[in-house]
Amino acid sequence: MGILNWLKNNDIVLSRVDYNLILESEEVDSCKMIRRQISELEVRSGRLVVTDPLVLPDLAPLSKDIPLGSYPLILHFAESEAGEEVIALAELKLNEERPMIYELALRDGEQLDSLGDNDDFIGFPVDSGLACMAEQSTMNALMKDMKVFEKQQPGKNYYEHCLSSGFGNNARRVDDPGDWYTHSLPKQEQVSMFSAGAGDGLYPVYYGIDKSLQIANIVIDFQILLSSE
């Protein structure tokens, strides 16, 4: 089945932005693009969670399973003329094929009819300034670790005591809190967290669909670039 026939037979929402422009270009919206692979994300169940790791670690996984394997997690930074960097996209790269379209990703239990007349997407909320992509079992391990910390350190802040120094190790300046950190958990679990674009808000997730109708990548759009298109 070709991609046009596939589109006719599937009720989906397409992105208004061609994310290939951001993923492949050296400059977008007068910003220099900088790409950093921060980790390899191991998927053992096919269930991927995209969420705010500190506020909503129990958010439902994406409704489409992804192939089991280990995949590069890449952050795409937009650098302004003043030298300031902000994460514009986070990408989980599943294969080397170029996506033909970008399909809005839904979570388990979500339906497209929940979109309002003026809504372009159903997104995930960020309230801690951080986002992540992770295997569902990893998020369960993170929740357990936070509960243990809360019990052992009542009144203490998990970010300040367990994460801030790790973020600081990836900072570009002394006064920079850092944009990302891969946090180690018990039983060799790891979760990579990263700053969510301009901060708290609602952000969409898209599947990049290739010519073979497979998911080539999954992207979080932090609404920094090409937002008016």
Protein backbone atom coordinates (compact mmCIF):
# COMPACT_ATOMS: atom_id res chain seq x y z
CA MET A 1 0.00 0.00 0.00
CA GLY A 2 1.36 3.42 -0.95
CA ILE A 3 1.39 6.27 1.50
CA LEU A 4 -1.47 8.11 -0.26
CA ASN A 5 -3.76 5.08 -0.01
CA TRP A 6 -2.65 4.60 3.59
CA LEU A 7 -3.64 8.18 4.38
CA LYS A 8 -7.06 7.66 2.81
CA ASN A 9 -7.68 4.58 4.94
CA ASN A 10 -6.49 5.96 8.27
CA ASP A 11 -8.03 8.65 10.44
CA ILE A 12 -4.98 10.64 11.50
CA VAL A 13 -3.85 14.23 12.04
CA LEU A 14 -0.75 15.41 10.18
CA SER A 15 1.68 18.02 11.43
CA ARG A 16 1.57 21.41 9.75
CA VAL A 17 5.37 21.54 10.14
CA ASP A 18 7.76 19.51 8.00
CA TYR A 19 10.15 18.45 10.74
CA ASN A 20 12.67 17.26 8.16
CA LEU A 21 13.50 20.95 7.67
CA ILE A 22 14.57 21.18 11.30
CA LEU A 23 16.25 17.77 11.44
CA GLU A 24 18.32 18.27 8.27
CA SER A 25 19.03 21.99 7.99
CA GLU A 26 22.06 23.84 9.29
CA GLU A 27 19.98 26.96 10.00
CA VAL A 28 16.26 27.44 10.69
CA ASP A 29 14.48 30.71 11.49
CA SER A 30 17.89 32.48 11.65
CA CYS A 31 19.03 29.99 14.29
CA LYS A 32 22.01 27.69 13.91
CA MET A 33 21.02 24.05 14.47
CA ILE A 34 23.14 21.97 16.87
CA ARG A 35 22.49 18.26 17.34
CA ARG A 36 23.57 16.20 20.33
CA GLN A 37 22.93 12.52 20.92
CA ILE A 38 22.53 12.20 24.68
CA SER A 39 21.85 8.48 25.10
CA GLU A 40 20.73 5.18 23.63
CA LEU A 41 17.17 4.44 24.68
CA GLU A 42 16.53 0.74 25.18
CA VAL A 43 12.99 -0.36 24.35
CA ARG A 44 12.16 -3.77 25.82
CA SER A 45 8.36 -3.84 25.72
CA GLY A 46 7.47 -1.61 22.77
CA ARG A 47 5.69 0.77 25.13
CA LEU A 48 7.09 4.30 25.06
CA VAL A 49 6.17 7.04 27.52
CA VAL A 50 6.64 10.72 26.62
CA THR A 51 5.99 12.94 29.61
CA ASP A 52 7.14 15.29 32.34
CA PRO A 53 9.22 12.82 34.39
CA LEU A 54 8.82 14.56 37.74
CA VAL A 55 5.17 15.62 37.66
CA LEU A 56 3.52 12.97 35.46
CA PRO A 57 5.74 9.87 35.50
CA ASP A 58 2.61 7.67 35.36
CA LEU A 59 1.27 9.18 32.11
CA ALA A 60 -0.07 6.55 29.70
CA PRO A 61 2.30 5.32 26.97
CA LEU A 62 1.92 6.13 23.30
CA SER A 63 -0.78 4.03 21.64
CA LYS A 64 1.51 2.58 18.95
CA ASP A 65 4.10 0.04 19.99
CA ILE A 66 7.60 0.52 18.57
CA PRO A 67 10.04 -2.24 17.63
CA LEU A 68 12.20 -3.57 20.43
CA GLY A 69 15.79 -2.37 20.33
CA SER A 70 18.20 0.38 21.32
CA TYR A 71 17.77 3.75 19.62
CA PRO A 72 19.63 7.08 19.68
CA LEU A 73 17.94 9.90 21.55
CA ILE A 74 18.94 13.18 19.90
CA LEU A 75 18.35 16.76 21.02
CA HIS A 76 18.13 19.43 18.33
CA PHE A 77 19.19 22.80 19.72
CA ALA A 78 18.43 26.15 18.11
CA GLU A 79 21.23 28.66 18.74
CA SER A 80 20.34 32.33 18.40
CA GLU A 81 22.65 35.02 17.04
CA ALA A 82 23.37 35.94 20.67
CA GLY A 83 24.68 32.42 21.29
CA GLU A 84 21.76 31.27 23.44
CA GLU A 85 20.71 27.65 22.96
CA VAL A 86 17.26 26.13 23.45
CA ILE A 87 16.03 22.62 22.68
CA ALA A 88 13.68 22.88 19.72
CA LEU A 89 13.08 19.16 19.10
CA ALA A 90 13.79 15.88 20.84
CA GLU A 91 14.05 12.92 18.47
CA LEU A 92 14.10 9.17 19.00
CA LYS A 93 15.56 7.79 15.76
CA LEU A 94 14.25 4.30 14.97
CA ASN A 95 15.72 3.81 11.49
CA GLU A 96 17.67 5.61 8.78
CA GLU A 97 14.71 6.20 6.45
CA ARG A 98 13.52 9.74 5.74
CA PRO A 99 9.98 10.36 7.05
CA MET A 100 7.42 11.19 4.38
CA ILE A 101 4.83 12.57 6.79
CA TYR A 102 4.51 13.32 10.49
CA GLU A 103 1.48 11.85 12.25
CA LEU A 104 0.18 13.13 15.59
CA ALA A 105 0.91 10.56 18.28
CA LEU A 106 -1.83 9.68 20.75
CA ARG A 107 -1.59 7.98 24.11
CA ASP A 108 -3.54 4.94 25.20
CA GLY A 109 -7.16 5.97 25.69
CA GLU A 110 -6.99 9.18 23.65
CA GLN A 111 -9.23 9.79 20.65
CA LEU A 112 -8.97 12.34 17.86
CA ASP A 113 -12.54 13.48 18.51
CA SER A 114 -11.25 15.08 21.74
CA LEU A 115 -9.53 17.72 19.61
CA GLY A 116 -11.32 21.07 19.74
CA ASP A 117 -12.24 22.99 16.59
CA ASN A 118 -9.20 25.26 16.94
CA ASP A 119 -6.76 22.65 18.27
CA ASP A 120 -3.89 21.36 16.15
CA PHE A 121 -2.75 18.67 18.57
CA ILE A 122 -3.25 16.68 21.74
CA GLY A 123 -0.04 17.08 23.69
CA PHE A 124 1.52 16.23 27.01
CA PRO A 125 1.77 18.82 29.80
CA VAL A 126 5.07 19.97 31.29
CA ASP A 127 4.98 21.55 34.75
CA SER A 128 8.53 20.95 36.03
CA GLY A 129 10.31 22.38 32.97
CA LEU A 130 11.51 18.88 32.03
CA ALA A 131 10.49 16.22 29.52
CA CYS A 132 11.60 12.69 28.71
CA MET A 133 11.07 9.71 26.44
CA ALA A 134 11.41 6.36 28.18
CA GLU A 135 10.43 2.71 28.20
CA GLN A 136 7.35 2.21 30.40
CA SER A 137 9.23 -0.05 32.83
CA THR A 138 11.83 2.69 33.27
CA MET A 139 9.14 5.16 34.26
CA ASN A 140 7.84 2.63 36.78
CA ALA A 141 11.37 2.38 38.21
CA LEU A 142 11.57 6.19 38.40
CA MET A 143 8.26 6.40 40.26
CA LYS A 144 9.45 3.77 42.73
CA ASP A 145 12.74 5.62 43.25
CA MET A 146 10.93 8.91 43.91
CA LYS A 147 8.62 7.24 46.42
CA VAL A 148 11.59 5.69 48.25
CA PHE A 149 13.33 9.10 48.32
CA GLU A 150 10.20 10.81 49.63
CA LYS A 151 9.91 8.23 52.41
CA GLN A 152 13.60 8.40 53.35
CA GLN A 153 13.99 12.17 52.87
CA PRO A 154 10.63 13.73 53.82
CA GLY A 155 10.35 17.35 52.78
CA LYS A 156 13.38 17.15 50.50
CA ASN A 157 13.29 17.93 46.77
CA TYR A 158 14.07 15.02 44.41
CA TYR A 159 15.40 17.27 41.67
CA GLU A 160 17.73 19.20 43.95
CA HIS A 161 19.14 16.12 45.68
CA CYS A 162 19.22 13.57 42.82
CA LEU A 163 19.28 15.44 39.51
CA SER A 164 20.61 18.98 39.72
CA SER A 165 24.29 18.07 39.91
CA GLY A 166 23.93 15.75 36.91
CA PHE A 167 22.29 18.50 34.89
CA GLY A 168 25.03 20.85 36.02
CA ASN A 169 27.70 18.52 34.65
CA ASN A 170 26.22 19.13 31.17
CA ALA A 171 26.00 22.92 31.58
CA ARG A 172 27.79 25.18 29.11
CA ARG A 173 28.38 27.96 31.66
CA VAL A 174 28.81 28.26 35.40
CA ASP A 175 25.40 29.94 35.76
CA ASP A 176 23.69 27.44 33.43
CA PRO A 177 21.62 24.71 35.18
CA GLY A 178 22.16 22.36 32.22
CA ASP A 179 19.79 21.15 29.52
CA TRP A 180 19.90 17.38 29.95
CA TYR A 181 20.94 14.51 32.17
CA THR A 182 20.80 10.71 31.97
CA HIS A 183 19.76 9.59 35.44
CA SER A 184 20.73 6.12 36.70
CA LEU A 185 18.16 4.12 38.63
CA PRO A 186 18.28 0.77 40.47
CA LYS A 187 18.57 -2.44 38.41
CA GLN A 188 20.56 -0.67 35.68
CA GLU A 189 17.62 1.42 34.51
CA GLN A 190 18.38 4.85 33.02
CA VAL A 191 16.15 7.75 32.04
CA SER A 192 17.31 10.74 30.01
CA MET A 193 15.61 13.99 30.98
CA PHE A 194 15.91 17.31 29.15
CA SER A 195 14.65 20.85 29.41
CA ALA A 196 11.38 21.45 27.62
CA GLY A 197 11.97 24.19 25.09
CA ALA A 198 10.81 27.47 26.58
CA GLY A 199 9.60 25.82 29.78
CA ASP A 200 6.24 24.68 31.08
CA GLY A 201 3.48 24.18 28.55
CA LEU A 202 1.70 21.66 26.34
CA TYR A 203 3.79 19.97 23.66
CA PRO A 204 2.88 17.62 20.79
CA VAL A 205 4.51 14.34 19.82
CA TYR A 206 4.66 13.05 16.25
CA TYR A 207 5.51 9.81 14.50
CA GLY A 208 7.65 10.23 11.39
CA ILE A 209 6.25 7.71 8.88
CA ASP A 210 8.59 6.49 6.14
CA LYS A 211 7.84 5.21 2.62
CA SER A 212 7.43 1.67 3.96
CA LEU A 213 4.79 2.94 6.39
CA GLN A 214 7.06 2.23 9.35
CA ILE A 215 7.81 4.64 12.20
CA ALA A 216 11.19 6.14 11.31
CA ASN A 217 11.38 8.49 14.28
CA ILE A 218 9.39 10.06 17.09
CA VAL A 219 9.72 13.78 17.77
CA ILE A 220 8.67 16.16 20.51
CA ASP A 221 8.06 19.66 19.15
CA PHE A 222 8.83 22.31 21.76
CA GLN A 223 7.19 24.99 19.59
CA ILE A 224 10.38 26.98 19.08
CA LEU A 225 10.85 26.82 15.28
CA LEU A 226 8.50 27.09 12.29
CA SER A 227 5.61 27.55 14.71
CA SER A 228 3.77 29.91 12.39
CA GLU A 229 3.71 27.46 9.46
